[in-house]
Each structure stands twice: as structure tokens, then as C-alpha cells.
C-alpha atoms as a PDB file:
ATOM      1  CA  ILE A   1      -0.094   0.060   0.061  1.00  0.00           C
ATOM      2  CA  VAL A   2       2.647   2.552   0.944  1.00  0.00           C
ATOM      3  CA  GLN A   3       4.753   1.637  -2.059  1.00  0.00           C
ATOM      4  CA  THR A   4       1.822   2.418  -4.294  1.00  0.00           C
ATOM      5  CA  ILE A   5       1.186   5.661  -2.758  1.00  0.00           C
ATOM      6  CA  VAL A   6       4.761   6.727  -3.233  1.00  0.00           C
ATOM      7  CA  ASN A   7       4.796   5.381  -6.868  1.00  0.00           C
ATOM      8  CA  VAL A   8       1.775   7.741  -7.516  1.00  0.00           C
ATOM      9  CA  ILE A   9       2.705  10.966  -5.883  1.00  0.00           C
ATOM     10  CA  GLU A  10       6.629  10.483  -6.489  1.00  0.00           C
ATOM     11  CA  PRO A  11       7.942  12.296  -3.346  1.00  0.00           C
ATOM     12  CA  ASP A  12      11.445  13.280  -4.641  1.00  0.00           C
ATOM     13  CA  HIS A  13      11.988  16.802  -3.303  1.00  0.00           C
ATOM     14  CA  GLY A  14      11.274  19.308  -0.596  1.00  0.00           C
ATOM     15  CA  THR A  15       9.104  18.775   2.646  1.00  0.00           C
ATOM     16  CA  VAL A  16       7.493  15.383   3.192  1.00  0.00           C
ATOM     17  CA  PHE A  17       5.052  15.211   5.971  1.00  0.00           C
ATOM     18  CA  ASP A  18       3.307  12.235   7.637  1.00  0.00           C
ATOM     19  CA  PRO A  19       0.831  13.643  10.194  1.00  0.00           C
ATOM     20  CA  ALA A  20       0.083   9.828  11.489  1.00  0.00           C
ATOM     21  CA  CYS A  21       3.405   8.673  10.928  1.00  0.00           C
ATOM     22  CA  GLY A  22       3.448   5.555  13.163  1.00  0.00           C
ATOM     23  CA  SER A  23       6.803   3.729  12.747  1.00  0.00           C
ATOM     24  CA  GLY A  24       7.900   5.823   9.810  1.00  0.00           C
ATOM     25  CA  GLY A  25       7.288   3.462   6.986  1.00  0.00           C
ATOM     26  CA  MET A  26       6.155   6.270   4.405  1.00  0.00           C
ATOM     27  CA  PHE A  27       9.703   7.900   4.967  1.00  0.00           C
ATOM     28  CA  VAL A  28      11.284   4.734   4.249  1.00  0.00           C
ATOM     29  CA  GLN A  29       9.387   3.951   1.204  1.00  0.00           C
ATOM     30  CA  SER A  30      10.021   7.617  -0.011  1.00  0.00           C
ATOM     31  CA  SER A  31      13.784   7.168   0.411  1.00  0.00           C
ATOM     32  CA  HIS A  32      13.625   3.940  -1.556  1.00  0.00           C
ATOM     33  CA  PHE A  33      12.056   5.821  -4.498  1.00  0.00           C
ATOM     34  CA  ILE A  34      14.468   8.504  -4.391  1.00  0.00           C
ATOM     35  CA  GLU A  35      17.439   6.096  -4.331  1.00  0.00           C
ATOM     36  CA  HIS A  36      15.814   3.943  -7.189  1.00  0.00           C
ATOM     37  CA  GLU A  37      15.572   7.263  -9.244  1.00  0.00           C
ATOM     38  CA  GLY A  38      19.311   7.905  -8.714  1.00  0.00           C
ATOM     39  CA  GLY A  39      18.861  10.567  -5.883  1.00  0.00           C
ATOM     40  CA  ASP A  40      20.335  11.144  -2.416  1.00  0.00           C
ATOM     41  CA  THR A  41      17.607  11.212   0.018  1.00  0.00           C
ATOM     42  CA  ALA A  42      19.499  13.464   2.538  1.00  0.00           C
ATOM     43  CA  LYS A  43      20.055  16.193  -0.196  1.00  0.00           C
ATOM     44  CA  LYS A  44      16.458  15.808  -1.684  1.00  0.00           C
ATOM     45  CA  VAL A  45      13.921  15.933   1.230  1.00  0.00           C
ATOM     46  CA  VAL A  46      13.321  16.876   4.651  1.00  0.00           C
ATOM     47  CA  PHE A  47      11.079  14.428   6.793  1.00  0.00           C
ATOM     48  CA  TYR A  48       8.394  15.598   9.226  1.00  0.00           C
ATOM     49  CA  GLY A  49       5.993  13.454  11.255  1.00  0.00           C
ATOM     50  CA  GLN A  50       3.599  13.414  14.070  1.00  0.00           C
ATOM     51  CA  GLU A  51       2.745  10.615  16.169  1.00  0.00           C
ATOM     52  CA  LYS A  52       0.736  10.389  19.602  1.00  0.00           C
ATOM     53  CA  ASN A  53       2.446   7.215  20.886  1.00  0.00           C
ATOM     54  CA  ARG A  54       5.811   7.702  22.546  1.00  0.00           C
ATOM     55  CA  ASP A  55       6.987   4.171  22.018  1.00  0.00           C
ATOM     56  CA  THR A  56       5.968   4.290  18.469  1.00  0.00           C
ATOM     57  CA  ILE A  57       8.095   7.534  17.974  1.00  0.00           C
ATOM     58  CA  ARG A  58      11.149   5.629  19.413  1.00  0.00           C
ATOM     59  CA  ILE A  59      10.475   2.793  16.901  1.00  0.00           C
ATOM     60  CA  ALA A  60      10.028   5.317  14.109  1.00  0.00           C
ATOM     61  CA  LYS A  61      13.402   7.126  14.894  1.00  0.00           C
ATOM     62  CA  MET A  62      15.129   3.752  15.079  1.00  0.00           C
ATOM     63  CA  ASN A  63      13.645   2.811  11.695  1.00  0.00           C
ATOM     64  CA  LEU A  64      14.992   5.984  10.282  1.00  0.00           C
ATOM     65  CA  ALA A  65      18.421   5.524  11.746  1.00  0.00           C
ATOM     66  CA  VAL A  66      18.713   1.817  10.544  1.00  0.00           C
ATOM     67  CA  HIS A  67      18.049   3.187   6.960  1.00  0.00           C
ATOM     68  CA  GLY A  68      20.486   6.214   7.313  1.00  0.00           C
ATOM     69  CA  LEU A  69      17.737   8.764   7.359  1.00  0.00           C
ATOM     70  CA  GLU A  70      16.825  11.560   9.621  1.00  0.00           C
ATOM     71  CA  GLY A  71      13.383  13.115  10.446  1.00  0.00           C
ATOM     72  CA  LYS A  72      11.776  15.526  12.762  1.00  0.00           C
ATOM     73  CA  ILE A  73       8.983  13.508  14.541  1.00  0.00           C
ATOM     74  CA  ALA A  74       6.902  15.268  17.153  1.00  0.00           C
ATOM     75  CA  GLU A  75       4.775  13.605  19.882  1.00  0.00           C
ATOM     76  CA  ALA A  76       1.221  15.024  19.201  1.00  0.00           C
ATOM     77  CA  ILE A  77      -2.412  14.324  18.651  1.00  0.00           C
ATOM     78  CA  THR A  78      -3.002  15.732  15.094  1.00  0.00           C
ATOM     79  CA  TYR A  79      -6.475  16.598  15.634  1.00  0.00           C
ATOM     80  CA  TYR A  80      -5.575  19.076  18.354  1.00  0.00           C
ATOM     81  CA  GLN A  81      -1.911  19.804  17.600  1.00  0.00           C
ATOM     82  CA  ASP A  82       0.102  21.325  14.670  1.00  0.00           C
ATOM     83  CA  GLU A  83       3.683  21.150  16.157  1.00  0.00           C
ATOM     84  CA  HIS A  84       5.598  21.739  12.937  1.00  0.00           C
ATOM     85  CA  ASN A  85       3.309  24.437  11.657  1.00  0.00           C
ATOM     86  CA  LEU A  86       3.502  23.355   7.918  1.00  0.00           C
ATOM     87  CA  VAL A  87       0.049  24.607   6.794  1.00  0.00           C
ATOM     88  CA  GLY A  88       0.461  25.370   3.062  1.00  0.00           C
ATOM     89  CA  ASN A  89       4.264  24.512   3.020  1.00  0.00           C
ATOM     90  CA  CYS A  90       4.573  20.752   2.150  1.00  0.00           C
ATOM     91  CA  ASP A  91       5.489  19.493  -1.170  1.00  0.00           C
ATOM     92  CA  PHE A  92       4.189  15.939  -0.251  1.00  0.00           C
ATOM     93  CA  VAL A  93       1.899  14.555   2.441  1.00  0.00           C
ATOM     94  CA  MET A  94       1.276  10.825   2.949  1.00  0.00           C
ATOM     95  CA  ALA A  95      -0.439   9.056   5.661  1.00  0.00           C
ATOM     96  CA  ASN A  96      -2.464   5.847   6.980  1.00  0.00           C
ATOM     97  CA  PRO A  97      -4.772   7.397   9.581  1.00  0.00           C
ATOM     98  CA  PRO A  98      -7.030   5.786  11.817  1.00  0.00           C
ATOM     99  CA  PHE A  99     -10.474   5.325  10.133  1.00  0.00           C
ATOM    100  CA  ASN A 100     -13.966   6.397  11.390  1.00  0.00           C
ATOM    101  CA  VAL A 101     -12.885   7.892  14.766  1.00  0.00           C
ATOM    102  CA  ASP A 102     -15.855   9.455  16.579  1.00  0.00           C
ATOM    103  CA  LEU A 103     -14.143  10.787  19.776  1.00  0.00           C
ATOM    104  CA  VAL A 104     -12.777  14.061  18.411  1.00  0.00           C
ATOM    105  CA  ASP A 105     -14.042  17.150  20.646  1.00  0.00           C
ATOM    106  CA  ALA A 106     -15.680  19.520  18.126  1.00  0.00           C
ATOM    107  CA  LYS A 107     -15.375  22.441  20.327  1.00  0.00           C
ATOM    108  CA  ARG A 108     -11.531  22.261  20.339  1.00  0.00           C
ATOM    109  CA  ILE A 109     -11.064  22.167  16.610  1.00  0.00           C
ATOM    110  CA  SER A 110     -13.954  24.237  15.418  1.00  0.00           C
ATOM    111  CA  SER A 111     -11.948  27.498  15.224  1.00  0.00           C
ATOM    112  CA  ASP A 112      -9.007  25.741  13.518  1.00  0.00           C
ATOM    113  CA  LYS A 113      -9.784  27.519  10.098  1.00  0.00           C
ATOM    114  CA  ARG A 114      -6.280  27.031   8.781  1.00  0.00           C
ATOM    115  CA  ARG A 115      -6.261  23.192   8.824  1.00  0.00           C
ATOM    116  CA  LEU A 116     -10.174  22.724   8.339  1.00  0.00           C
ATOM    117  CA  PRO A 117     -11.013  25.209   5.573  1.00  0.00           C
ATOM    118  CA  PHE A 118     -14.036  23.285   4.612  1.00  0.00           C
ATOM    119  CA  GLY A 119     -15.590  23.247   8.008  1.00  0.00           C
ATOM    120  CA  LEU A 120     -16.558  20.382  10.361  1.00  0.00           C
ATOM    121  CA  PRO A 121     -18.136  17.134   8.818  1.00  0.00           C
ATOM    122  CA  GLY A 122     -20.905  16.838  11.456  1.00  0.00           C
ATOM    123  CA  VAL A 123     -21.275  16.945  15.214  1.00  0.00           C
ATOM    124  CA  ASN A 124     -23.059  14.584  17.041  1.00  0.00           C
ATOM    125  CA  LYS A 125     -25.095  15.056  20.408  1.00  0.00           C
ATOM    126  CA  ALA A 126     -22.112  14.612  22.566  1.00  0.00           C
ATOM    127  CA  GLY A 127     -20.398  17.318  20.958  1.00  0.00           C
ATOM    128  CA  LYS A 128     -17.888  15.006  19.192  1.00  0.00           C
ATOM    129  CA  VAL A 129     -17.139  15.098  15.345  1.00  0.00           C
ATOM    130  CA  SER A 130     -19.392  12.200  14.176  1.00  0.00           C
ATOM    131  CA  ASN A 131     -16.607  10.805  11.920  1.00  0.00           C
ATOM    132  CA  GLY A 132     -13.060  11.976  11.713  1.00  0.00           C
ATOM    133  CA  ASN A 133     -12.227  10.797   8.170  1.00  0.00           C
ATOM    134  CA  TYR A 134     -12.897  14.218   6.633  1.00  0.00           C
ATOM    135  CA  LEU A 135     -10.940  15.890   9.402  1.00  0.00           C
ATOM    136  CA  TRP A 136      -7.838  13.947   8.149  1.00  0.00           C
ATOM    137  CA  ILE A 137      -8.773  14.626   4.542  1.00  0.00           C
ATOM    138  CA  SER A 138      -9.026  18.315   5.135  1.00  0.00           C
ATOM    139  CA  TYR A 139      -5.740  18.384   7.059  1.00  0.00           C
ATOM    140  CA  PHE A 140      -3.992  16.592   4.274  1.00  0.00           C
ATOM    141  CA  TRP A 141      -5.157  19.301   1.729  1.00  0.00           C
ATOM    142  CA  SER A 142      -4.409  22.100   3.831  1.00  0.00           C
ATOM    143  CA  TYR A 143      -0.794  21.190   4.410  1.00  0.00           C
ATOM    144  CA  LEU A 144      -0.092  21.192   0.706  1.00  0.00           C
ATOM    145  CA  ASN A 145       1.743  23.899  -1.030  1.00  0.00           C
ATOM    146  CA  ALA A 146       0.638  25.286  -4.403  1.00  0.00           C
ATOM    147  CA  LYS A 147       1.952  22.434  -6.350  1.00  0.00           C
ATOM    148  CA  GLY A 148       1.984  19.826  -3.415  1.00  0.00           C
ATOM    149  CA  ARG A 149       0.900  16.270  -3.892  1.00  0.00           C
ATOM    150  CA  ALA A 150      -0.779  13.917  -1.153  1.00  0.00           C
ATOM    151  CA  GLY A 151      -1.483  10.407  -0.962  1.00  0.00           C
ATOM    152  CA  PHE A 152      -3.328   8.416   1.825  1.00  0.00           C
ATOM    153  CA  VAL A 153      -5.215   5.437   2.999  1.00  0.00           C
ATOM    154  CA  MET A 154      -8.847   6.054   3.597  1.00  0.00           C
ATOM    155  CA  SER A 155     -11.720   4.102   4.736  1.00  0.00           C
ATOM    156  CA  SER A 156     -13.911   2.994   1.723  1.00  0.00           C
ATOM    157  CA  GLN A 157     -16.982   4.659   3.425  1.00  0.00           C
ATOM    158  CA  ALA A 158     -15.552   8.121   3.051  1.00  0.00           C
ATOM    159  CA  SER A 159     -16.200   8.270  -0.783  1.00  0.00           C
ATOM    160  CA  SER A 160     -20.085   7.729  -0.360  1.00  0.00           C
ATOM    161  CA  ALA A 161     -20.708   9.107   3.344  1.00  0.00           C
ATOM    162  CA  GLY A 162     -23.747  11.615   3.422  1.00  0.00           C
ATOM    163  CA  HIS A 163     -24.770  14.455   5.635  1.00  0.00           C
ATOM    164  CA  GLY A 164     -21.991  16.752   6.606  1.00  0.00           C
ATOM    165  CA  GLU A 165     -19.256  14.577   5.217  1.00  0.00           C
ATOM    166  CA  LYS A 166     -20.827  14.946   1.897  1.00  0.00           C
ATOM    167  CA  GLU A 167     -20.832  18.555   2.033  1.00  0.00           C
ATOM    168  CA  VAL A 168     -17.151  18.535   2.911  1.00  0.00           C
ATOM    169  CA  ARG A 169     -16.331  16.136   0.079  1.00  0.00           C
ATOM    170  CA  LYS A 170     -18.223  18.362  -2.360  1.00  0.00           C
ATOM    171  CA  LYS A 171     -16.094  21.243  -1.353  1.00  0.00           C
ATOM    172  CA  ILE A 172     -12.869  19.263  -1.590  1.00  0.00           C
ATOM    173  CA  ILE A 173     -13.777  17.965  -5.168  1.00  0.00           C
ATOM    174  CA  GLU A 174     -14.588  21.613  -6.281  1.00  0.00           C
ATOM    175  CA  THR A 175     -11.239  22.846  -5.695  1.00  0.00           C
ATOM    176  CA  GLY A 176     -10.048  20.600  -8.601  1.00  0.00           C
ATOM    177  CA  ASP A 177      -7.148  19.116  -6.589  1.00  0.00           C
ATOM    178  CA  VAL A 178      -8.521  15.507  -6.210  1.00  0.00           C
ATOM    179  CA  ASP A 179      -6.351  13.693  -8.661  1.00  0.00           C
ATOM    180  CA  ALA A 180      -6.988  10.024  -8.323  1.00  0.00           C
ATOM    181  CA  THR A 181      -8.607   7.183  -6.099  1.00  0.00           C
ATOM    182  CA  ILE A 182      -7.665   3.613  -5.990  1.00  0.00           C
ATOM    183  CA  SER A 183     -10.262   0.912  -4.477  1.00  0.00           C
ATOM    184  CA  ILE A 184      -8.431  -1.928  -2.737  1.00  0.00           C
ATOM    185  CA  ARG A 185      -9.977  -5.140  -1.669  1.00  0.00           C
ATOM    186  CA  SER A 186      -9.713  -6.511   2.064  1.00  0.00           C
ATOM    187  CA  ASN A 187      -7.004  -8.035   3.818  1.00  0.00           C
ATOM    188  CA  PHE A 188      -3.985  -5.790   2.825  1.00  0.00           C
ATOM    189  CA  PHE A 189      -3.275  -4.819   6.482  1.00  0.00           C
ATOM    190  CA  TYR A 190      -2.033  -6.921   9.195  1.00  0.00           C
ATOM    191  CA  THR A 191      -4.147  -5.053  11.618  1.00  0.00           C
ATOM    192  CA  ARG A 192      -7.460  -4.716   9.905  1.00  0.00           C
ATOM    193  CA  SER A 193      -9.278  -6.595   7.236  1.00  0.00           C
ATOM    194  CA  VAL A 194     -11.395  -4.256   5.845  1.00  0.00           C
ATOM    195  CA  PRO A 195     -11.208  -2.829   2.287  1.00  0.00           C
ATOM    196  CA  CYS A 196     -10.020   0.730   1.814  1.00  0.00           C
ATOM    197  CA  GLU A 197      -9.290   3.331  -0.795  1.00  0.00           C
ATOM    198  CA  LEU A 198      -6.274   5.455  -1.638  1.00  0.00           C
ATOM    199  CA  TRP A 199      -6.976   9.204  -2.207  1.00  0.00           C
ATOM    200  CA  PHE A 200      -4.585  11.349  -4.136  1.00  0.00           C
ATOM    201  CA  PHE A 201      -4.386  15.197  -4.207  1.00  0.00           C
ATOM    202  CA  ASP A 202      -2.390  17.228  -6.754  1.00  0.00           C
ATOM    203  CA  LYS A 203      -2.417  20.918  -6.342  1.00  0.00           C
ATOM    204  CA  GLY A 204      -0.320  21.219  -9.577  1.00  0.00           C
ATOM    205  CA  LYS A 205      -2.571  19.649 -11.731  1.00  0.00           C
ATOM    206  CA  THR A 206      -2.668  21.084 -15.331  1.00  0.00           C
ATOM    207  CA  GLU A 207      -5.804  22.984 -16.295  1.00  0.00           C
ATOM    208  CA  GLU A 208      -7.179  20.423 -18.625  1.00  0.00           C
ATOM    209  CA  ARG A 209      -7.203  17.735 -15.721  1.00  0.00           C
ATOM    210  CA  ARG A 210      -8.537  20.080 -13.192  1.00  0.00           C
ATOM    211  CA  ASP A 211     -12.218  18.807 -13.694  1.00  0.00           C
ATOM    212  CA  PHE A 212     -11.280  15.026 -13.828  1.00  0.00           C
ATOM    213  CA  VAL A 213     -10.534  12.464 -11.108  1.00  0.00           C
ATOM    214  CA  LEU A 214      -9.049   9.126 -12.103  1.00  0.00           C
ATOM    215  CA  MET A 215     -10.972   6.475 -10.295  1.00  0.00           C
ATOM    216  CA  LEU A 216      -9.360   2.745 -10.301  1.00  0.00           C
ATOM    217  CA  ASP A 217     -11.119  -0.094  -9.202  1.00  0.00           C
ATOM    218  CA  ALA A 218      -8.238  -2.376  -8.161  1.00  0.00           C
ATOM    219  CA  ARG A 219     -10.383  -4.661  -5.911  1.00  0.00           C
ATOM    220  CA  ASN A 220      -9.721  -7.744  -8.233  1.00  0.00           C
ATOM    221  CA  ILE A 221      -5.886  -6.888  -8.484  1.00  0.00           C
ATOM    222  CA  PHE A 222      -3.934  -8.775  -5.827  1.00  0.00           C
ATOM    223  CA  ARG A 223      -1.562 -11.358  -4.818  1.00  0.00           C
ATOM    224  CA  LYS A 224      -2.282 -14.012  -2.098  1.00  0.00           C
ATOM    225  CA  VAL A 225       0.540 -13.988   0.395  1.00  0.00           C
ATOM    226  CA  THR A 226      -1.285 -16.091   3.073  1.00  0.00           C
ATOM    227  CA  ARG A 227      -4.777 -17.107   3.755  1.00  0.00           C
ATOM    228  CA  LYS A 228      -5.409 -13.943   5.568  1.00  0.00           C
ATOM    229  CA  ILE A 229      -2.937 -11.429   3.907  1.00  0.00           C
ATOM    230  CA  ASN A 230      -2.786 -10.171   0.345  1.00  0.00           C
ATOM    231  CA  ASP A 231      -0.634  -7.653  -1.331  1.00  0.00           C
ATOM    232  CA  PHE A 232       0.416  -6.149  -4.884  1.00  0.00           C
ATOM    233  CA  SER A 233       3.080  -8.082  -6.859  1.00  0.00           C
ATOM    234  CA  PRO A 234       5.879  -5.676  -8.438  1.00  0.00           C
ATOM    235  CA  GLU A 235       4.201  -6.065 -11.835  1.00  0.00           C
ATOM    236  CA  GLN A 236       0.791  -5.022 -10.458  1.00  0.00           C
ATOM    237  CA  MET A 237       2.191  -2.000  -8.707  1.00  0.00           C
ATOM    238  CA  LYS A 238       3.937  -0.813 -11.857  1.00  0.00           C
ATOM    239  CA  ASN A 239       0.922  -1.383 -13.943  1.00  0.00           C
ATOM    240  CA  LEU A 240      -1.089   0.874 -11.511  1.00  0.00           C
ATOM    241  CA  ALA A 241       1.504   3.448 -11.598  1.00  0.00           C
ATOM    242  CA  VAL A 242       1.641   3.296 -15.380  1.00  0.00           C
ATOM    243  CA  ILE A 243      -2.157   3.886 -15.642  1.00  0.00           C
ATOM    244  CA  VAL A 244      -1.886   7.141 -13.496  1.00  0.00           C
ATOM    245  CA  ALA A 245       1.131   8.327 -15.579  1.00  0.00           C
ATOM    246  CA  LEU A 246      -0.814   7.865 -18.828  1.00  0.00           C
ATOM    247  CA  TYR A 247      -3.797   9.638 -17.280  1.00  0.00           C
ATOM    248  CA  ARG A 248      -1.408  12.634 -16.378  1.00  0.00           C
ATOM    249  CA  ALA A 249       0.250  12.425 -20.092  1.00  0.00           C
ATOM    250  CA  GLN A 250       3.585  11.443 -18.713  1.00  0.00           C
ATOM    251  CA  ASN A 251       4.009   9.050 -21.510  1.00  0.00           C
ATOM    252  CA  ASP A 252       7.696   8.648 -20.892  1.00  0.00           C
ATOM    253  CA  ARG A 253       6.928   7.013 -17.505  1.00  0.00           C
END
């Protein structure tokens, strides 16, 4: 999944941010991509991350060190904290956030217009945001600079959710920055078996593509690893990346 995100957004320069960075897998795969393209990661990109679990941060820092990488990882709950102050400054944003969270205090985030420019996706009777998926989606969009790209894992429910979520989705689509989505079958994660979708933003889309979104149904593309785990083969990942490149008229890719 992470490698597919990297193949689509091609994070080869500038500021790379993961607001839900976990053990730092997005950073490692970005480095592999840069090295495969013949670049030097340390000279090309700066990694930033946020993670709420202190032990996971230690693992992320060790993961980076083992691969000879450096990154600035802050202990923070991204719903409420913006430790690196990167709104509008990221060349690339990538993440695998928690899905369908319904515990975020709406009052604490309602004034955060910088990171939530499309508003809240609905509040329940307990004063909590009904579903946090569109908080994450709004954050990812807001962190990008004028030509930035984002790629992230999202619950399959998000693309068809109604009510307040539908209104936020409409506003995001109307920006013209939604580049592509890829639907993926279940069992691609060790920790959850549900299907998911990959979403991609590109604020640097060409004018002729601004009214288009590439939607790939890859639910029948997979390789069986074990009875409970699926993945993409290298050939399948290349084919998905090539389809995206053709859509972008990058025929040399």
C-alpha cells in the first residue's frame, strides 16, 4: 500500500510530512523511491512526522536511523496539535490515519480554520465530530503548498458518506485538486481486514485535468501472500503507476 502511494505521488524533493507517521514506513519507502531514481535522500527531502504514541516514536526514529535517514518527529495528537506549523508548506503529504474515529472534541477544533477550511463534517449530540475521516482529508489538503501532492489511505465509507461529510467532500472536489482514487480489496493490512481506498491530491494539476478524477477499481488486483494477507506484486504496482502516468500524459513514465 505504502509503495503504491509513493509510486503515484513521487515524493522526490522538498518537505515530506506524515501527520500520522506510526513507525515511519512512509519515510522509508520515499527514500527507496528517491534512491531508485538515482537521488540522495538527505539532499533531496526533509521528513516531518507527528505521532501520539511515545513508544511508536522511538520505533520510528530507530527505523529512520537503520536506513540512514533523519526526520523531525513530534509527539502530538494531530486532531488538536500542529507542532511543525506546516500548513501550506508541504511538497508531499502521505499517511495511513485511523479510520472512522468518533471521539474528537468538536469545540476544541472548531476554530482551526487554517487546517479545516471546509468546515466540520458533522457533530453528534455528545459534542464529538461524528466521523473523523474528513478531518484527516482536510488536514492533508491544507498542508500542501501550491504544487503539492498528497497520497493517503482512507476508509471506503468516506467516498459515499452523506450529511456533513458529503458537504465537505463536495467542497474538496470543487477545488479541482482531487487527482485519483484507487479502490483496494480487504486483507491488505495486518491489523485490519476491511477494504480501503487510496486518495490522491495534486494541487499542481494541469488545467485540462482539473475537472477530472481518475478512479481505479483495483479490488480484483492482488496477490495472495497467506490465507489472511494480500498484497500487490511488483508487476501489479508498476501497472497501476503506469495507468496514473498515462492519465497525467506522462507517457515517458
